[in-house]
Amino acid sequence: MSDYVVEWAGGPVKSIKKGFKAAAIEAGLPDVSPHVLRHTAAVHMAEAGVSMEEIAQFLGHSNSRITESVYARYSPDHLRKAADALEFE
């Protein structure tokens, strides 16, 4: 436990951006940013069938319409009704 929200070696981290960038480069992922991780998490949730409302809450969106406009296409149920209408027996 520490007095700091984010720490390294018992002291405060001076720059989270620099620390994240260094960790990403060390991991061989130089183009990864916190935004990319956030987007990836939301896509995985949508692909797993998590509701847009829940994803919106998780991401802190005040309106689920924002979430739907970006992430609905990754949901397995997105456009399912439209696709089912075209099935022939």
PDB file of N, CA and C in Angstrom:
ATOM      1  N   MET A   1       0.852  -1.184   0.000  1.00  0.00           N
ATOM      2  CA  MET A   1       0.000   0.000   0.000  1.00  0.00           C
ATOM      3  C   MET A   1       0.887   1.233   0.000  1.00  0.00           C
ATOM      4  N   SER A   2       0.381   2.251  -0.637  1.00  0.00           N
ATOM      5  CA  SER A   2       1.166   3.455  -0.830  1.00  0.00           C
ATOM      6  C   SER A   2       0.283   4.688  -0.735  1.00  0.00           C
ATOM      7  N   ASP A   3       0.906   5.824  -0.605  1.00  0.00           N
ATOM      8  CA  ASP A   3       0.176   7.093  -0.621  1.00  0.00           C
ATOM      9  C   ASP A   3      -0.154   7.522  -2.049  1.00  0.00           C
ATOM     10  N   TYR A   4       0.384   6.790  -3.034  1.00  0.00           N
ATOM     11  CA  TYR A   4       0.225   7.173  -4.430  1.00  0.00           C
ATOM     12  C   TYR A   4      -0.734   6.239  -5.155  1.00  0.00           C
ATOM     13  N   VAL A   5      -1.518   6.790  -6.055  1.00  0.00           N
ATOM     14  CA  VAL A   5      -2.431   5.980  -6.856  1.00  0.00           C
ATOM     15  C   VAL A   5      -1.622   5.090  -7.793  1.00  0.00           C
ATOM     16  N   VAL A   6      -0.614   5.662  -8.432  1.00  0.00           N
ATOM     17  CA  VAL A   6       0.282   4.920  -9.301  1.00  0.00           C
ATOM     18  C   VAL A   6       1.694   5.162  -8.794  1.00  0.00           C
ATOM     19  N   GLU A   7       2.425   4.078  -8.573  1.00  0.00           N
ATOM     20  CA  GLU A   7       3.774   4.220  -8.041  1.00  0.00           C
ATOM     21  C   GLU A   7       4.751   3.298  -8.745  1.00  0.00           C
ATOM     22  N   TRP A   8       6.015   3.603  -8.571  1.00  0.00           N
ATOM     23  CA  TRP A   8       7.099   2.764  -9.068  1.00  0.00           C
ATOM     24  C   TRP A   8       8.220   2.854  -8.051  1.00  0.00           C
ATOM     25  N   ALA A   9       8.623   1.708  -7.529  1.00  0.00           N
ATOM     26  CA  ALA A   9       9.712   1.633  -6.548  1.00  0.00           C
ATOM     27  C   ALA A   9       9.431   2.503  -5.328  1.00  0.00           C
ATOM     28  N   GLY A  10       8.180   2.563  -4.910  1.00  0.00           N
ATOM     29  CA  GLY A  10       7.812   3.284  -3.699  1.00  0.00           C
ATOM     30  C   GLY A  10       7.606   4.775  -3.867  1.00  0.00           C
ATOM     31  N   GLY A  11       7.769   5.292  -5.069  1.00  0.00           N
ATOM     32  CA  GLY A  11       7.576   6.720  -5.310  1.00  0.00           C
ATOM     33  C   GLY A  11       6.516   6.962  -6.354  1.00  0.00           C
ATOM     34  N   PRO A  12       6.084   8.199  -6.480  1.00  0.00           N
ATOM     35  CA  PRO A  12       5.053   8.506  -7.471  1.00  0.00           C
ATOM     36  C   PRO A  12       5.602   8.405  -8.887  1.00  0.00           C
ATOM     37  N   VAL A  13       4.756   7.996  -9.797  1.00  0.00           N
ATOM     38  CA  VAL A  13       5.121   7.990 -11.207  1.00  0.00           C
ATOM     39  C   VAL A  13       5.005   9.425 -11.699  1.00  0.00           C
ATOM     40  N   LYS A  14       6.044   9.910 -12.332  1.00  0.00           N
ATOM     41  CA  LYS A  14       6.050  11.302 -12.778  1.00  0.00           C
ATOM     42  C   LYS A  14       5.213  11.509 -14.030  1.00  0.00           C
ATOM     43  N   SER A  15       5.213  10.534 -14.927  1.00  0.00           N
ATOM     44  CA  SER A  15       4.438  10.661 -16.162  1.00  0.00           C
ATOM     45  C   SER A  15       3.858   9.304 -16.538  1.00  0.00           C
ATOM     46  N   ILE A  16       2.563   9.172 -16.389  1.00  0.00           N
ATOM     47  CA  ILE A  16       1.902   7.928 -16.773  1.00  0.00           C
ATOM     48  C   ILE A  16       2.029   7.707 -18.276  1.00  0.00           C
ATOM     49  N   LYS A  17       1.925   8.777 -19.064  1.00  0.00           N
ATOM     50  CA  LYS A  17       2.047   8.657 -20.520  1.00  0.00           C
ATOM     51  C   LYS A  17       3.402   8.077 -20.909  1.00  0.00           C
ATOM     52  N   LYS A  18       4.468   8.603 -20.333  1.00  0.00           N
ATOM     53  CA  LYS A  18       5.807   8.109 -20.661  1.00  0.00           C
ATOM     54  C   LYS A  18       5.981   6.669 -20.180  1.00  0.00           C
ATOM     55  N   GLY A  19       5.468   6.382 -18.990  1.00  0.00           N
ATOM     56  CA  GLY A  19       5.567   5.025 -18.458  1.00  0.00           C
ATOM     57  C   GLY A  19       4.811   4.025 -19.305  1.00  0.00           C
ATOM     58  N   PHE A  20       3.609   4.390 -19.730  1.00  0.00           N
ATOM     59  CA  PHE A  20       2.817   3.503 -20.575  1.00  0.00           C
ATOM     60  C   PHE A  20       3.515   3.279 -21.904  1.00  0.00           C
ATOM     61  N   LYS A  21       4.012   4.357 -22.499  1.00  0.00           N
ATOM     62  CA  LYS A  21       4.690   4.255 -23.789  1.00  0.00           C
ATOM     63  C   LYS A  21       5.916   3.351 -23.684  1.00  0.00           C
ATOM     64  N   ALA A  22       6.688   3.510 -22.618  1.00  0.00           N
ATOM     65  CA  ALA A  22       7.874   2.674 -22.416  1.00  0.00           C
ATOM     66  C   ALA A  22       7.485   1.209 -22.252  1.00  0.00           C
ATOM     67  N   ALA A  23       6.412   0.949 -21.503  1.00  0.00           N
ATOM     68  CA  ALA A  23       5.954  -0.434 -21.301  1.00  0.00           C
ATOM     69  C   ALA A  23       5.463  -1.037 -22.616  1.00  0.00           C
ATOM     70  N   ALA A  24       4.765  -0.250 -23.419  1.00  0.00           N
ATOM     71  CA  ALA A  24       4.260  -0.733 -24.712  1.00  0.00           C
ATOM     72  C   ALA A  24       5.429  -1.069 -25.645  1.00  0.00           C
ATOM     73  N   ILE A  25       6.416  -0.213 -25.679  1.00  0.00           N
ATOM     74  CA  ILE A  25       7.584  -0.466 -26.529  1.00  0.00           C
ATOM     75  C   ILE A  25       8.317  -1.708 -26.052  1.00  0.00           C
ATOM     76  N   GLU A  26       8.484  -1.836 -24.746  1.00  0.00           N
ATOM     77  CA  GLU A  26       9.162  -3.013 -24.179  1.00  0.00           C
ATOM     78  C   GLU A  26       8.406  -4.296 -24.517  1.00  0.00           C
ATOM     79  N   ALA A  27       7.089  -4.201 -24.609  1.00  0.00           N
ATOM     80  CA  ALA A  27       6.261  -5.366 -24.951  1.00  0.00           C
ATOM     81  C   ALA A  27       6.207  -5.617 -26.458  1.00  0.00           C
ATOM     82  N   GLY A  28       6.871  -4.772 -27.224  1.00  0.00           N
ATOM     83  CA  GLY A  28       6.859  -4.936 -28.674  1.00  0.00           C
ATOM     84  C   GLY A  28       5.603  -4.392 -29.324  1.00  0.00           C
ATOM     85  N   LEU A  29       4.923  -3.482 -28.644  1.00  0.00           N
ATOM     86  CA  LEU A  29       3.677  -2.899 -29.144  1.00  0.00           C
ATOM     87  C   LEU A  29       3.786  -1.374 -29.178  1.00  0.00           C
ATOM     88  N   PRO A  30       4.661  -0.840 -30.004  1.00  0.00           N
ATOM     89  CA  PRO A  30       4.926   0.600 -29.960  1.00  0.00           C
ATOM     90  C   PRO A  30       3.741   1.495 -30.318  1.00  0.00           C
ATOM     91  N   ASP A  31       2.758   0.970 -31.038  1.00  0.00           N
ATOM     92  CA  ASP A  31       1.619   1.792 -31.458  1.00  0.00           C
ATOM     93  C   ASP A  31       0.397   1.653 -30.558  1.00  0.00           C
ATOM     94  N   VAL A  32       0.544   0.941 -29.447  1.00  0.00           N
ATOM     95  CA  VAL A  32      -0.587   0.739 -28.540  1.00  0.00           C
ATOM     96  C   VAL A  32      -0.664   1.904 -27.553  1.00  0.00           C
ATOM     97  N   SER A  33      -1.874   2.397 -27.365  1.00  0.00           N
ATOM     98  CA  SER A  33      -2.123   3.488 -26.418  1.00  0.00           C
ATOM     99  C   SER A  33      -3.233   3.055 -25.466  1.00  0.00           C
ATOM    100  N   PRO A  34      -3.446   3.786 -24.380  1.00  0.00           N
ATOM    101  CA  PRO A  34      -4.581   3.460 -23.515  1.00  0.00           C
ATOM    102  C   PRO A  34      -5.906   3.468 -24.277  1.00  0.00           C
ATOM    103  N   HIS A  35      -6.041   4.354 -25.253  1.00  0.00           N
ATOM    104  CA  HIS A  35      -7.265   4.396 -26.060  1.00  0.00           C
ATOM    105  C   HIS A  35      -7.450   3.094 -26.839  1.00  0.00           C
ATOM    106  N   VAL A  36      -6.382   2.569 -27.391  1.00  0.00           N
ATOM    107  CA  VAL A  36      -6.454   1.312 -28.138  1.00  0.00           C
ATOM    108  C   VAL A  36      -6.894   0.185 -27.208  1.00  0.00           C
ATOM    109  N   LEU A  37      -6.368   0.148 -26.001  1.00  0.00           N
ATOM    110  CA  LEU A  37      -6.767  -0.896 -25.046  1.00  0.00           C
ATOM    111  C   LEU A  37      -8.239  -0.751 -24.661  1.00  0.00           C
ATOM    112  N   ARG A  38      -8.686   0.478 -24.483  1.00  0.00           N
ATOM    113  CA  ARG A  38     -10.094   0.737 -24.141  1.00  0.00           C
ATOM    114  C   ARG A  38     -11.008   0.271 -25.277  1.00  0.00           C
ATOM    115  N   HIS A  39     -10.650   0.615 -26.502  1.00  0.00           N
ATOM    116  CA  HIS A  39     -11.428   0.207 -27.677  1.00  0.00           C
ATOM    117  C   HIS A  39     -11.446  -1.316 -27.799  1.00  0.00           C
ATOM    118  N   THR A  40     -10.300  -1.950 -27.610  1.00  0.00           N
ATOM    119  CA  THR A  40     -10.204  -3.407 -27.711  1.00  0.00           C
ATOM    120  C   THR A  40     -11.092  -4.073 -26.661  1.00  0.00           C
ATOM    121  N   ALA A  41     -11.080  -3.549 -25.444  1.00  0.00           N
ATOM    122  CA  ALA A  41     -11.926  -4.106 -24.385  1.00  0.00           C
ATOM    123  C   ALA A  41     -13.401  -4.005 -24.763  1.00  0.00           C
ATOM    124  N   ALA A  42     -13.801  -2.857 -25.299  1.00  0.00           N
ATOM    125  CA  ALA A  42     -15.199  -2.674 -25.692  1.00  0.00           C
ATOM    126  C   ALA A  42     -15.586  -3.616 -26.832  1.00  0.00           C
ATOM    127  N   VAL A  43     -14.697  -3.810 -27.791  1.00  0.00           N
ATOM    128  CA  VAL A  43     -14.970  -4.730 -28.899  1.00  0.00           C
ATOM    129  C   VAL A  43     -15.137  -6.152 -28.375  1.00  0.00           C
ATOM    130  N   HIS A  44     -14.262  -6.570 -27.478  1.00  0.00           N
ATOM    131  CA  HIS A  44     -14.381  -7.922 -26.907  1.00  0.00           C
ATOM    132  C   HIS A  44     -15.697  -8.088 -26.152  1.00  0.00           C
ATOM    133  N   MET A  45     -16.109  -7.062 -25.413  1.00  0.00           N
ATOM    134  CA  MET A  45     -17.388  -7.128 -24.704  1.00  0.00           C
ATOM    135  C   MET A  45     -18.541  -7.255 -25.695  1.00  0.00           C
ATOM    136  N   ALA A  46     -18.521  -6.445 -26.759  1.00  0.00           N
ATOM    137  CA  ALA A  46     -19.589  -6.498 -27.767  1.00  0.00           C
ATOM    138  C   ALA A  46     -19.628  -7.867 -28.430  1.00  0.00           C
ATOM    139  N   GLU A  47     -18.460  -8.396 -28.784  1.00  0.00           N
ATOM    140  CA  GLU A  47     -18.408  -9.720 -29.423  1.00  0.00           C
ATOM    141  C   GLU A  47     -18.911 -10.820 -28.488  1.00  0.00           C
ATOM    142  N   ALA A  48     -18.791 -10.602 -27.185  1.00  0.00           N
ATOM    143  CA  ALA A  48     -19.265 -11.582 -26.205  1.00  0.00           C
ATOM    144  C   ALA A  48     -20.755 -11.425 -25.917  1.00  0.00           C
ATOM    145  N   GLY A  49     -21.398 -10.450 -26.567  1.00  0.00           N
ATOM    146  CA  GLY A  49     -22.839 -10.278 -26.394  1.00  0.00           C
ATOM    147  C   GLY A  49     -23.231  -9.397 -25.224  1.00  0.00           C
ATOM    148  N   VAL A  50     -22.284  -8.683 -24.634  1.00  0.00           N
ATOM    149  CA  VAL A  50     -22.612  -7.752 -23.553  1.00  0.00           C
ATOM    150  C   VAL A  50     -23.462  -6.635 -24.145  1.00  0.00           C
ATOM    151  N   SER A  51     -24.494  -6.218 -23.438  1.00  0.00           N
ATOM    152  CA  SER A  51     -25.401  -5.193 -23.965  1.00  0.00           C
ATOM    153  C   SER A  51     -24.680  -3.864 -24.138  1.00  0.00           C
ATOM    154  N   MET A  52     -25.162  -3.075 -25.087  1.00  0.00           N
ATOM    155  CA  MET A  52     -24.572  -1.762 -25.342  1.00  0.00           C
ATOM    156  C   MET A  52     -24.702  -0.862 -24.115  1.00  0.00           C
ATOM    157  N   GLU A  53     -25.783  -1.031 -23.360  1.00  0.00           N
ATOM    158  CA  GLU A  53     -25.965  -0.237 -22.148  1.00  0.00           C
ATOM    159  C   GLU A  53     -24.883  -0.551 -21.118  1.00  0.00           C
ATOM    160  N   GLU A  54     -24.575  -1.840 -20.966  1.00  0.00           N
ATOM    161  CA  GLU A  54     -23.528  -2.226 -20.016  1.00  0.00           C
ATOM    162  C   GLU A  54     -22.154  -1.756 -20.473  1.00  0.00           C
ATOM    163  N   ILE A  55     -21.886  -1.869 -21.755  1.00  0.00           N
ATOM    164  CA  ILE A  55     -20.600  -1.398 -22.287  1.00  0.00           C
ATOM    165  C   ILE A  55     -20.495   0.112 -22.086  1.00  0.00           C
ATOM    166  N   ALA A  56     -21.579   0.825 -22.344  1.00  0.00           N
ATOM    167  CA  ALA A  56     -21.587   2.277 -22.152  1.00  0.00           C
ATOM    168  C   ALA A  56     -21.270   2.635 -20.704  1.00  0.00           C
ATOM    169  N   GLN A  57     -21.872   1.913 -19.768  1.00  0.00           N
ATOM    170  CA  GLN A  57     -21.591   2.170 -18.356  1.00  0.00           C
ATOM    171  C   GLN A  57     -20.141   1.871 -18.027  1.00  0.00           C
ATOM    172  N   PHE A  58     -19.634   0.775 -18.531  1.00  0.00           N
ATOM    173  CA  PHE A  58     -18.245   0.385 -18.278  1.00  0.00           C
ATOM    174  C   PHE A  58     -17.276   1.448 -18.803  1.00  0.00           C
ATOM    175  N   LEU A  59     -17.569   1.989 -19.991  1.00  0.00           N
ATOM    176  CA  LEU A  59     -16.705   2.992 -20.600  1.00  0.00           C
ATOM    177  C   LEU A  59     -16.929   4.392 -20.042  1.00  0.00           C
ATOM    178  N   GLY A  60     -18.029   4.561 -19.309  1.00  0.00           N
ATOM    179  CA  GLY A  60     -18.325   5.874 -18.751  1.00  0.00           C
ATOM    180  C   GLY A  60     -19.040   6.800 -19.716  1.00  0.00           C
ATOM    181  N   HIS A  61     -19.655   6.226 -20.755  1.00  0.00           N
ATOM    182  CA  HIS A  61     -20.424   7.045 -21.693  1.00  0.00           C
ATOM    183  C   HIS A  61     -21.724   7.468 -21.014  1.00  0.00           C
ATOM    184  N   SER A  62     -22.096   8.713 -21.177  1.00  0.00           N
ATOM    185  CA  SER A  62     -23.335   9.197 -20.570  1.00  0.00           C
ATOM    186  C   SER A  62     -24.562   8.774 -21.356  1.00  0.00           C
ATOM    187  N   ASN A  63     -24.344   8.378 -22.607  1.00  0.00           N
ATOM    188  CA  ASN A  63     -25.452   8.003 -23.477  1.00  0.00           C
ATOM    189  C   ASN A  63     -25.038   6.757 -24.260  1.00  0.00           C
ATOM    190  N   SER A  64     -25.856   5.711 -24.211  1.00  0.00           N
ATOM    191  CA  SER A  64     -25.490   4.467 -24.899  1.00  0.00           C
ATOM    192  C   SER A  64     -25.532   4.603 -26.426  1.00  0.00           C
ATOM    193  N   ARG A  65     -26.112   5.672 -26.946  1.00  0.00           N
ATOM    194  CA  ARG A  65     -26.124   5.880 -28.404  1.00  0.00           C
ATOM    195  C   ARG A  65     -24.699   6.047 -28.939  1.00  0.00           C
ATOM    196  N   ILE A  66     -23.865   6.698 -28.168  1.00  0.00           N
ATOM    197  CA  ILE A  66     -22.457   6.854 -28.558  1.00  0.00           C
ATOM    198  C   ILE A  66     -21.828   5.475 -28.689  1.00  0.00           C
ATOM    199  N   THR A  67     -22.059   4.650 -27.690  1.00  0.00           N
ATOM    200  CA  THR A  67     -21.500   3.296 -27.668  1.00  0.00           C
ATOM    201  C   THR A  67     -22.028   2.488 -28.849  1.00  0.00           C
ATOM    202  N   GLU A  68     -23.317   2.552 -29.080  1.00  0.00           N
ATOM    203  CA  GLU A  68     -23.934   1.800 -30.176  1.00  0.00           C
ATOM    204  C   GLU A  68     -23.375   2.220 -31.535  1.00  0.00           C
ATOM    205  N   SER A  69     -23.161   3.513 -31.714  1.00  0.00           N
ATOM    206  CA  SER A  69     -22.688   3.990 -33.018  1.00  0.00           C
ATOM    207  C   SER A  69     -21.276   3.483 -33.331  1.00  0.00           C
ATOM    208  N   VAL A  70     -20.501   3.194 -32.305  1.00  0.00           N
ATOM    209  CA  VAL A  70     -19.127   2.737 -32.512  1.00  0.00           C
ATOM    210  C   VAL A  70     -19.001   1.218 -32.435  1.00  0.00           C
ATOM    211  N   TYR A  71     -19.702   0.593 -31.465  1.00  0.00           N
ATOM    212  CA  TYR A  71     -19.435  -0.805 -31.152  1.00  0.00           C
ATOM    213  C   TYR A  71     -20.523  -1.806 -31.527  1.00  0.00           C
ATOM    214  N   ALA A  72     -21.716  -1.357 -31.933  1.00  0.00           N
ATOM    215  CA  ALA A  72     -22.813  -2.294 -32.233  1.00  0.00           C
ATOM    216  C   ALA A  72     -22.437  -3.286 -33.317  1.00  0.00           C
ATOM    217  N   ARG A  73     -21.669  -2.856 -34.303  1.00  0.00           N
ATOM    218  CA  ARG A  73     -21.320  -3.748 -35.423  1.00  0.00           C
ATOM    219  C   ARG A  73     -20.502  -4.956 -34.989  1.00  0.00           C
ATOM    220  N   TYR A  74     -19.921  -4.909 -33.793  1.00  0.00           N
ATOM    221  CA  TYR A  74     -19.141  -6.047 -33.296  1.00  0.00           C
ATOM    222  C   TYR A  74     -19.998  -7.055 -32.536  1.00  0.00           C
ATOM    223  N   SER A  75     -21.236  -6.712 -32.272  1.00  0.00           N
ATOM    224  CA  SER A  75     -22.129  -7.586 -31.534  1.00  0.00           C
ATOM    225  C   SER A  75     -22.643  -8.701 -32.440  1.00  0.00           C
ATOM    226  N   PRO A  76     -22.671  -9.941 -31.935  1.00  0.00           N
ATOM    227  CA  PRO A  76     -23.169 -11.039 -32.763  1.00  0.00           C
ATOM    228  C   PRO A  76     -24.651 -10.883 -33.124  1.00  0.00           C
ATOM    229  N   ASP A  77     -25.378 -10.069 -32.367  1.00  0.00           N
ATOM    230  CA  ASP A  77     -26.802  -9.875 -32.646  1.00  0.00           C
ATOM    231  C   ASP A  77     -27.071  -8.682 -33.552  1.00  0.00           C
ATOM    232  N   HIS A  78     -26.039  -7.909 -33.849  1.00  0.00           N
ATOM    233  CA  HIS A  78     -26.227  -6.726 -34.687  1.00  0.00           C
ATOM    234  C   HIS A  78     -26.711  -7.160 -36.077  1.00  0.00           C
ATOM    235  N   LEU A  79     -27.792  -6.605 -36.485  1.00  0.00           N
ATOM    236  CA  LEU A  79     -28.419  -6.888 -37.788  1.00  0.00           C
ATOM    237  C   LEU A  79     -28.886  -8.337 -37.940  1.00  0.00           C
ATOM    238  N   ARG A  80     -28.976  -9.072 -36.840  1.00  0.00           N
ATOM    239  CA  ARG A  80     -29.426 -10.470 -36.886  1.00  0.00           C
ATOM    240  C   ARG A  80     -30.831 -10.558 -37.446  1.00  0.00           C
ATOM    241  N   LYS A  81     -31.718  -9.665 -37.004  1.00  0.00           N
ATOM    242  CA  LYS A  81     -33.108  -9.707 -37.465  1.00  0.00           C
ATOM    243  C   LYS A  81     -33.160  -9.472 -38.967  1.00  0.00           C
ATOM    244  N   ALA A  82     -32.363  -8.561 -39.469  1.00  0.00           N
ATOM    245  CA  ALA A  82     -32.323  -8.281 -40.909  1.00  0.00           C
ATOM    246  C   ALA A  82     -31.798  -9.497 -41.681  1.00  0.00           C
ATOM    247  N   ALA A  83     -30.746 -10.121 -41.161  1.00  0.00           N
ATOM    248  CA  ALA A  83     -30.191 -11.292 -41.826  1.00  0.00           C
ATOM    249  C   ALA A  83     -31.184 -12.460 -41.808  1.00  0.00           C
ATOM    250  N   ASP A  84     -31.872 -12.633 -40.696  1.00  0.00           N
ATOM    251  CA  ASP A  84     -32.838 -13.722 -40.585  1.00  0.00           C
ATOM    252  C   ASP A  84     -33.990 -13.548 -41.580  1.00  0.00           C
ATOM    253  N   ALA A  85     -34.336 -12.315 -41.874  1.00  0.00           N
ATOM    254  CA  ALA A  85     -35.432 -12.054 -42.826  1.00  0.00           C
ATOM    255  C   ALA A  85     -35.075 -12.535 -44.222  1.00  0.00           C
ATOM    256  N   LEU A  86     -33.787 -12.685 -44.512  1.00  0.00           N
ATOM    257  CA  LEU A  86     -33.364 -13.108 -45.843  1.00  0.00           C
ATOM    258  C   LEU A  86     -33.144 -14.610 -45.961  1.00  0.00           C
ATOM    259  N   GLU A  87     -33.303 -15.312 -44.859  1.00  0.00           N
ATOM    260  CA  GLU A  87     -33.118 -16.777 -44.915  1.00  0.00           C
ATOM    261  C   GLU A  87     -34.330 -17.421 -45.574  1.00  0.00           C
ATOM    262  N   PHE A  88     -34.051 -18.346 -46.445  1.00  0.00           N
ATOM    263  CA  PHE A  88     -35.107 -19.063 -47.139  1.00  0.00           C
ATOM    264  C   PHE A  88     -35.065 -20.513 -46.736  1.00  0.00           C
ATOM    265  N   GLU A  89     -36.206 -21.119 -46.656  1.00  0.00           N
ATOM    266  CA  GLU A  89     -36.267 -22.529 -46.279  1.00  0.00           C
ATOM    267  C   GLU A  89     -36.591 -23.401 -47.449  1.00  0.00           C
TER     268      GLU A  89
END
